[in-house]
């Protein structure tokens, strides 16, 4: 019975959050590491919080372009750190989740920018993912993702824990943050509400 409970707990943790104390180069996390990350409160892993000025960075992207956060000054930005090796990230970014419940609400709004950044993986690994049966449907909204292989950009915002979303207002200040993903929760609605409020703010 104890063994079954342990397995169930490990599975549940993999749905909620992926993270590690040190940068992982291209390797997914073990169940033990997931358990360790879950014991650390979100606040202890979050370096920039609501009200803080977003730190600027530039990143090479999967589509060959280079994107710079400050280029979107005056717009509302949804910065999402994720990884194709992270089950909770893939659950959150499934077509019926964040794209349908959040991104589609602001489709065509020139004042909104979705800025995904993959962490702890290189272009070769992302190529393999986007060529897979599961990855192909996601190229449309993740194809311009930044590639943060060594977590240099991610470490400006947090020490660990993905998926992680950061909503940045028109003034460059953070208005909302979230980490992890819980299916059938109100998380994505809260995220959409934060974006909507930021767009309506003068």
C-alpha atoms as a PDB file:
ATOM      1  CA  UNK A   1       0.000   0.000   0.000  1.00  0.00           C
ATOM      2  CA  UNK A   2       2.849   2.355   0.861  1.00  0.00           C
ATOM      3  CA  UNK A   3       4.480   1.654  -2.513  1.00  0.00           C
ATOM      4  CA  UNK A   4       1.251   2.472  -4.362  1.00  0.00           C
ATOM      5  CA  UNK A   5       0.885   5.731  -2.422  1.00  0.00           C
ATOM      6  CA  UNK A   6       4.464   6.703  -3.291  1.00  0.00           C
ATOM      7  CA  UNK A   7       3.900   6.047  -6.982  1.00  0.00           C
ATOM      8  CA  UNK A   8       0.660   8.051  -6.939  1.00  0.00           C
ATOM      9  CA  UNK A   9       2.366  10.972  -5.190  1.00  0.00           C
ATOM     10  CA  UNK A  10       5.154  10.990  -7.749  1.00  0.00           C
ATOM     11  CA  UNK A  11       2.667  10.990 -10.613  1.00  0.00           C
ATOM     12  CA  UNK A  12       0.682  13.849  -9.083  1.00  0.00           C
ATOM     13  CA  UNK A  13       3.811  15.943  -8.596  1.00  0.00           C
ATOM     14  CA  UNK A  14       4.767  15.492 -12.249  1.00  0.00           C
ATOM     15  CA  UNK A  15       1.431  17.060 -13.209  1.00  0.00           C
ATOM     16  CA  UNK A  16       1.984  20.079 -11.005  1.00  0.00           C
ATOM     17  CA  UNK A  17       5.544  21.241 -11.441  1.00  0.00           C
ATOM     18  CA  UNK A  18       8.981  20.545 -12.905  1.00  0.00           C
ATOM     19  CA  UNK A  19      12.119  22.084 -11.456  1.00  0.00           C
ATOM     20  CA  UNK A  20      15.601  21.593 -10.074  1.00  0.00           C
ATOM     21  CA  UNK A  21      17.987  23.402  -7.775  1.00  0.00           C
ATOM     22  CA  UNK A  22      20.676  23.513 -10.452  1.00  0.00           C
ATOM     23  CA  UNK A  23      20.306  23.992 -14.196  1.00  0.00           C
ATOM     24  CA  UNK A  24      19.707  20.683 -15.949  1.00  0.00           C
ATOM     25  CA  UNK A  25      21.313  20.469 -19.376  1.00  0.00           C
ATOM     26  CA  UNK A  26      18.841  18.676 -21.627  1.00  0.00           C
ATOM     27  CA  UNK A  27      17.801  16.098 -18.991  1.00  0.00           C
ATOM     28  CA  UNK A  28      14.285  15.645 -17.585  1.00  0.00           C
ATOM     29  CA  UNK A  29      13.839  15.455 -13.829  1.00  0.00           C
ATOM     30  CA  UNK A  30      13.468  12.380 -11.677  1.00  0.00           C
ATOM     31  CA  UNK A  31      10.454  11.817  -9.441  1.00  0.00           C
ATOM     32  CA  UNK A  32      12.670  12.458  -6.409  1.00  0.00           C
ATOM     33  CA  UNK A  33      13.681  15.860  -7.761  1.00  0.00           C
ATOM     34  CA  UNK A  34      10.061  16.705  -8.504  1.00  0.00           C
ATOM     35  CA  UNK A  35       9.198  15.867  -4.912  1.00  0.00           C
ATOM     36  CA  UNK A  36      12.035  18.051  -3.677  1.00  0.00           C
ATOM     37  CA  UNK A  37      10.917  20.988  -5.827  1.00  0.00           C
ATOM     38  CA  UNK A  38       7.348  20.722  -4.562  1.00  0.00           C
ATOM     39  CA  UNK A  39       8.525  21.118  -0.967  1.00  0.00           C
ATOM     40  CA  UNK A  40       9.917  24.557  -1.767  1.00  0.00           C
ATOM     41  CA  UNK A  41       7.301  27.306  -1.698  1.00  0.00           C
ATOM     42  CA  UNK A  42       6.750  29.218  -4.897  1.00  0.00           C
ATOM     43  CA  UNK A  43       7.871  32.448  -3.254  1.00  0.00           C
ATOM     44  CA  UNK A  44      11.264  30.983  -2.437  1.00  0.00           C
ATOM     45  CA  UNK A  45      11.887  30.128  -6.097  1.00  0.00           C
ATOM     46  CA  UNK A  46      10.488  33.357  -7.565  1.00  0.00           C
ATOM     47  CA  UNK A  47      13.047  36.132  -7.898  1.00  0.00           C
ATOM     48  CA  UNK A  48      10.848  38.744  -9.588  1.00  0.00           C
ATOM     49  CA  UNK A  49       7.316  39.185  -8.259  1.00  0.00           C
ATOM     50  CA  UNK A  50       4.255  41.343  -8.821  1.00  0.00           C
ATOM     51  CA  UNK A  51       5.238  45.022  -8.864  1.00  0.00           C
ATOM     52  CA  UNK A  52       8.859  44.359  -9.827  1.00  0.00           C
ATOM     53  CA  UNK A  53      10.325  45.674 -13.044  1.00  0.00           C
ATOM     54  CA  UNK A  54      10.766  42.913 -15.593  1.00  0.00           C
ATOM     55  CA  UNK A  55      14.427  42.301 -16.411  1.00  0.00           C
ATOM     56  CA  UNK A  56      15.263  42.718 -20.076  1.00  0.00           C
ATOM     57  CA  UNK A  57      16.934  39.936 -22.060  1.00  0.00           C
ATOM     58  CA  UNK A  58      17.402  38.781 -25.620  1.00  0.00           C
ATOM     59  CA  UNK A  59      17.190  35.194 -26.806  1.00  0.00           C
ATOM     60  CA  UNK A  60      17.735  33.254 -30.008  1.00  0.00           C
ATOM     61  CA  UNK A  61      14.508  31.588 -31.116  1.00  0.00           C
ATOM     62  CA  UNK A  62      13.532  28.344 -32.777  1.00  0.00           C
ATOM     63  CA  UNK A  63      12.395  30.186 -35.909  1.00  0.00           C
ATOM     64  CA  UNK A  64      15.865  31.729 -36.340  1.00  0.00           C
ATOM     65  CA  UNK A  65      14.977  35.196 -35.075  1.00  0.00           C
ATOM     66  CA  UNK A  66      16.327  36.955 -31.996  1.00  0.00           C
ATOM     67  CA  UNK A  67      13.721  38.396 -29.653  1.00  0.00           C
ATOM     68  CA  UNK A  68      14.347  41.094 -27.051  1.00  0.00           C
ATOM     69  CA  UNK A  69      11.853  41.639 -24.254  1.00  0.00           C
ATOM     70  CA  UNK A  70      12.244  45.420 -24.252  1.00  0.00           C
ATOM     71  CA  UNK A  71      11.186  45.495 -27.910  1.00  0.00           C
ATOM     72  CA  UNK A  72       7.625  45.029 -26.656  1.00  0.00           C
ATOM     73  CA  UNK A  73       7.611  48.061 -24.387  1.00  0.00           C
ATOM     74  CA  UNK A  74       4.115  49.534 -24.264  1.00  0.00           C
ATOM     75  CA  UNK A  75       2.496  46.159 -24.872  1.00  0.00           C
ATOM     76  CA  UNK A  76       1.255  43.479 -22.483  1.00  0.00           C
ATOM     77  CA  UNK A  77       3.522  40.425 -22.560  1.00  0.00           C
ATOM     78  CA  UNK A  78       2.831  36.877 -21.440  1.00  0.00           C
ATOM     79  CA  UNK A  79       6.268  35.410 -20.776  1.00  0.00           C
ATOM     80  CA  UNK A  80       6.033  31.632 -20.402  1.00  0.00           C
ATOM     81  CA  UNK A  81       8.986  29.449 -19.437  1.00  0.00           C
ATOM     82  CA  UNK A  82       8.507  25.805 -20.426  1.00  0.00           C
ATOM     83  CA  UNK A  83      10.306  22.703 -21.645  1.00  0.00           C
ATOM     84  CA  UNK A  84       9.407  19.838 -23.976  1.00  0.00           C
ATOM     85  CA  UNK A  85      10.903  17.511 -21.325  1.00  0.00           C
ATOM     86  CA  UNK A  86       8.421  18.739 -18.688  1.00  0.00           C
ATOM     87  CA  UNK A  87       5.055  16.896 -18.501  1.00  0.00           C
ATOM     88  CA  UNK A  88       3.246  19.737 -16.652  1.00  0.00           C
ATOM     89  CA  UNK A  89       4.465  22.210 -19.278  1.00  0.00           C
ATOM     90  CA  UNK A  90       3.120  20.066 -22.106  1.00  0.00           C
ATOM     91  CA  UNK A  91      -0.173  19.669 -20.263  1.00  0.00           C
ATOM     92  CA  UNK A  92      -0.536  23.437 -19.823  1.00  0.00           C
ATOM     93  CA  UNK A  93       0.423  24.136 -23.443  1.00  0.00           C
ATOM     94  CA  UNK A  94      -1.881  21.512 -24.937  1.00  0.00           C
ATOM     95  CA  UNK A  95      -4.117  23.103 -27.615  1.00  0.00           C
ATOM     96  CA  UNK A  96      -7.193  22.829 -25.410  1.00  0.00           C
ATOM     97  CA  UNK A  97      -5.539  24.491 -22.421  1.00  0.00           C
ATOM     98  CA  UNK A  98      -3.535  27.758 -22.480  1.00  0.00           C
ATOM     99  CA  UNK A  99      -3.928  28.347 -26.252  1.00  0.00           C
ATOM    100  CA  UNK A 100      -7.717  27.850 -26.165  1.00  0.00           C
ATOM    101  CA  UNK A 101      -8.450  29.362 -22.757  1.00  0.00           C
ATOM    102  CA  UNK A 102      -6.006  32.286 -22.806  1.00  0.00           C
ATOM    103  CA  UNK A 103      -4.271  33.019 -26.106  1.00  0.00           C
ATOM    104  CA  UNK A 104      -7.400  32.796 -28.248  1.00  0.00           C
ATOM    105  CA  UNK A 105      -9.043  35.515 -26.143  1.00  0.00           C
ATOM    106  CA  UNK A 106      -6.429  38.007 -27.300  1.00  0.00           C
ATOM    107  CA  UNK A 107      -5.817  36.749 -30.815  1.00  0.00           C
ATOM    108  CA  UNK A 108      -5.392  39.695 -33.152  1.00  0.00           C
ATOM    109  CA  UNK A 109      -4.836  42.193 -30.335  1.00  0.00           C
ATOM    110  CA  UNK A 110      -1.774  44.161 -31.425  1.00  0.00           C
ATOM    111  CA  UNK A 111      -1.110  45.206 -27.832  1.00  0.00           C
ATOM    112  CA  UNK A 112      -0.655  41.620 -26.619  1.00  0.00           C
ATOM    113  CA  UNK A 113       2.457  39.484 -27.096  1.00  0.00           C
ATOM    114  CA  UNK A 114       2.955  35.810 -26.250  1.00  0.00           C
ATOM    115  CA  UNK A 115       6.650  35.179 -25.518  1.00  0.00           C
ATOM    116  CA  UNK A 116       7.402  31.495 -24.819  1.00  0.00           C
ATOM    117  CA  UNK A 117      10.928  30.481 -23.790  1.00  0.00           C
ATOM    118  CA  UNK A 118      12.014  26.851 -23.544  1.00  0.00           C
ATOM    119  CA  UNK A 119      14.605  26.057 -20.878  1.00  0.00           C
ATOM    120  CA  UNK A 120      17.268  23.362 -20.480  1.00  0.00           C
ATOM    121  CA  UNK A 121      17.129  22.130 -24.060  1.00  0.00           C
ATOM    122  CA  UNK A 122      18.719  22.966 -27.401  1.00  0.00           C
ATOM    123  CA  UNK A 123      17.350  23.449 -30.911  1.00  0.00           C
ATOM    124  CA  UNK A 124      18.031  19.822 -31.838  1.00  0.00           C
ATOM    125  CA  UNK A 125      15.824  18.564 -29.040  1.00  0.00           C
ATOM    126  CA  UNK A 126      13.090  21.082 -29.850  1.00  0.00           C
ATOM    127  CA  UNK A 127      13.221  20.064 -33.511  1.00  0.00           C
ATOM    128  CA  UNK A 128      12.674  16.450 -32.529  1.00  0.00           C
ATOM    129  CA  UNK A 129       9.736  17.474 -30.354  1.00  0.00           C
ATOM    130  CA  UNK A 130       8.071  19.653 -33.001  1.00  0.00           C
ATOM    131  CA  UNK A 131       8.480  16.843 -35.531  1.00  0.00           C
ATOM    132  CA  UNK A 132       6.747  14.388 -33.204  1.00  0.00           C
ATOM    133  CA  UNK A 133       3.048  13.558 -33.382  1.00  0.00           C
ATOM    134  CA  UNK A 134       2.424  15.462 -30.151  1.00  0.00           C
ATOM    135  CA  UNK A 135       4.544  18.453 -31.067  1.00  0.00           C
ATOM    136  CA  UNK A 136       3.372  19.130 -34.623  1.00  0.00           C
ATOM    137  CA  UNK A 137       0.021  20.707 -33.606  1.00  0.00           C
ATOM    138  CA  UNK A 138       1.876  23.129 -31.315  1.00  0.00           C
ATOM    139  CA  UNK A 139       4.324  24.613 -33.826  1.00  0.00           C
ATOM    140  CA  UNK A 140       1.803  27.302 -34.709  1.00  0.00           C
ATOM    141  CA  UNK A 141       1.932  28.941 -31.291  1.00  0.00           C
ATOM    142  CA  UNK A 142       5.315  27.701 -30.005  1.00  0.00           C
ATOM    143  CA  UNK A 143       7.392  27.875 -33.188  1.00  0.00           C
ATOM    144  CA  UNK A 144       8.861  31.258 -32.225  1.00  0.00           C
ATOM    145  CA  UNK A 145       9.896  30.042 -28.768  1.00  0.00           C
ATOM    146  CA  UNK A 146      13.144  31.311 -27.325  1.00  0.00           C
ATOM    147  CA  UNK A 147      15.840  28.710 -26.621  1.00  0.00           C
ATOM    148  CA  UNK A 148      17.363  29.160 -23.163  1.00  0.00           C
ATOM    149  CA  UNK A 149      19.601  26.078 -23.076  1.00  0.00           C
ATOM    150  CA  UNK A 150      21.611  27.107 -20.009  1.00  0.00           C
ATOM    151  CA  UNK A 151      18.713  28.874 -18.237  1.00  0.00           C
ATOM    152  CA  UNK A 152      20.543  32.216 -18.399  1.00  0.00           C
ATOM    153  CA  UNK A 153      17.288  34.090 -19.006  1.00  0.00           C
ATOM    154  CA  UNK A 154      15.166  31.927 -16.748  1.00  0.00           C
ATOM    155  CA  UNK A 155      17.522  32.550 -13.820  1.00  0.00           C
ATOM    156  CA  UNK A 156      16.753  36.263 -14.028  1.00  0.00           C
ATOM    157  CA  UNK A 157      13.193  35.442 -12.927  1.00  0.00           C
ATOM    158  CA  UNK A 158      13.380  32.298 -10.808  1.00  0.00           C
ATOM    159  CA  UNK A 159      15.672  29.682  -9.373  1.00  0.00           C
ATOM    160  CA  UNK A 160      13.576  26.712 -10.489  1.00  0.00           C
ATOM    161  CA  UNK A 161      10.083  25.552 -11.380  1.00  0.00           C
ATOM    162  CA  UNK A 162       8.330  25.332 -14.746  1.00  0.00           C
ATOM    163  CA  UNK A 163       5.870  25.897 -16.282  1.00  0.00           C
ATOM    164  CA  UNK A 164       6.113  29.484 -15.139  1.00  0.00           C
ATOM    165  CA  UNK A 165       4.080  32.391 -16.499  1.00  0.00           C
ATOM    166  CA  UNK A 166       4.807  36.083 -16.028  1.00  0.00           C
ATOM    167  CA  UNK A 167       2.428  38.802 -17.194  1.00  0.00           C
ATOM    168  CA  UNK A 168       4.190  42.099 -17.846  1.00  0.00           C
ATOM    169  CA  UNK A 169       2.192  45.314 -18.110  1.00  0.00           C
ATOM    170  CA  UNK A 170       2.612  48.167 -20.547  1.00  0.00           C
ATOM    171  CA  UNK A 171       4.951  49.954 -18.116  1.00  0.00           C
ATOM    172  CA  UNK A 172       7.308  46.985 -17.954  1.00  0.00           C
ATOM    173  CA  UNK A 173       6.263  45.934 -14.460  1.00  0.00           C
ATOM    174  CA  UNK A 174       5.117  42.454 -13.518  1.00  0.00           C
ATOM    175  CA  UNK A 175       1.387  42.261 -12.771  1.00  0.00           C
ATOM    176  CA  UNK A 176       0.934  38.504 -12.352  1.00  0.00           C
ATOM    177  CA  UNK A 177       3.001  35.341 -11.905  1.00  0.00           C
ATOM    178  CA  UNK A 178       2.156  31.658 -11.656  1.00  0.00           C
ATOM    179  CA  UNK A 179       4.151  28.436 -11.469  1.00  0.00           C
ATOM    180  CA  UNK A 180       3.074  24.862 -12.075  1.00  0.00           C
ATOM    181  CA  UNK A 181      -0.095  23.591 -13.682  1.00  0.00           C
ATOM    182  CA  UNK A 182      -3.143  21.998 -12.082  1.00  0.00           C
ATOM    183  CA  UNK A 183      -5.713  20.651 -14.571  1.00  0.00           C
ATOM    184  CA  UNK A 184      -9.328  21.732 -14.073  1.00  0.00           C
ATOM    185  CA  UNK A 185      -8.332  24.599 -11.779  1.00  0.00           C
ATOM    186  CA  UNK A 186      -9.031  28.326 -12.178  1.00  0.00           C
ATOM    187  CA  UNK A 187      -5.362  29.056 -12.900  1.00  0.00           C
ATOM    188  CA  UNK A 188      -5.768  29.798 -16.607  1.00  0.00           C
ATOM    189  CA  UNK A 189      -8.803  31.979 -15.953  1.00  0.00           C
ATOM    190  CA  UNK A 190      -6.802  34.014 -13.448  1.00  0.00           C
ATOM    191  CA  UNK A 191      -4.046  34.333 -16.044  1.00  0.00           C
ATOM    192  CA  UNK A 192      -6.496  35.529 -18.705  1.00  0.00           C
ATOM    193  CA  UNK A 193      -8.071  37.979 -16.258  1.00  0.00           C
ATOM    194  CA  UNK A 194      -4.632  39.435 -15.437  1.00  0.00           C
ATOM    195  CA  UNK A 195      -3.861  39.955 -19.136  1.00  0.00           C
ATOM    196  CA  UNK A 196      -7.246  41.558 -19.740  1.00  0.00           C
ATOM    197  CA  UNK A 197      -6.800  43.936 -16.795  1.00  0.00           C
ATOM    198  CA  UNK A 198      -3.315  44.888 -17.983  1.00  0.00           C
ATOM    199  CA  UNK A 199      -4.612  45.638 -21.470  1.00  0.00           C
ATOM    200  CA  UNK A 200      -7.377  47.824 -20.074  1.00  0.00           C
ATOM    201  CA  UNK A 201      -5.034  49.732 -17.726  1.00  0.00           C
ATOM    202  CA  UNK A 202      -4.150  53.244 -18.814  1.00  0.00           C
END
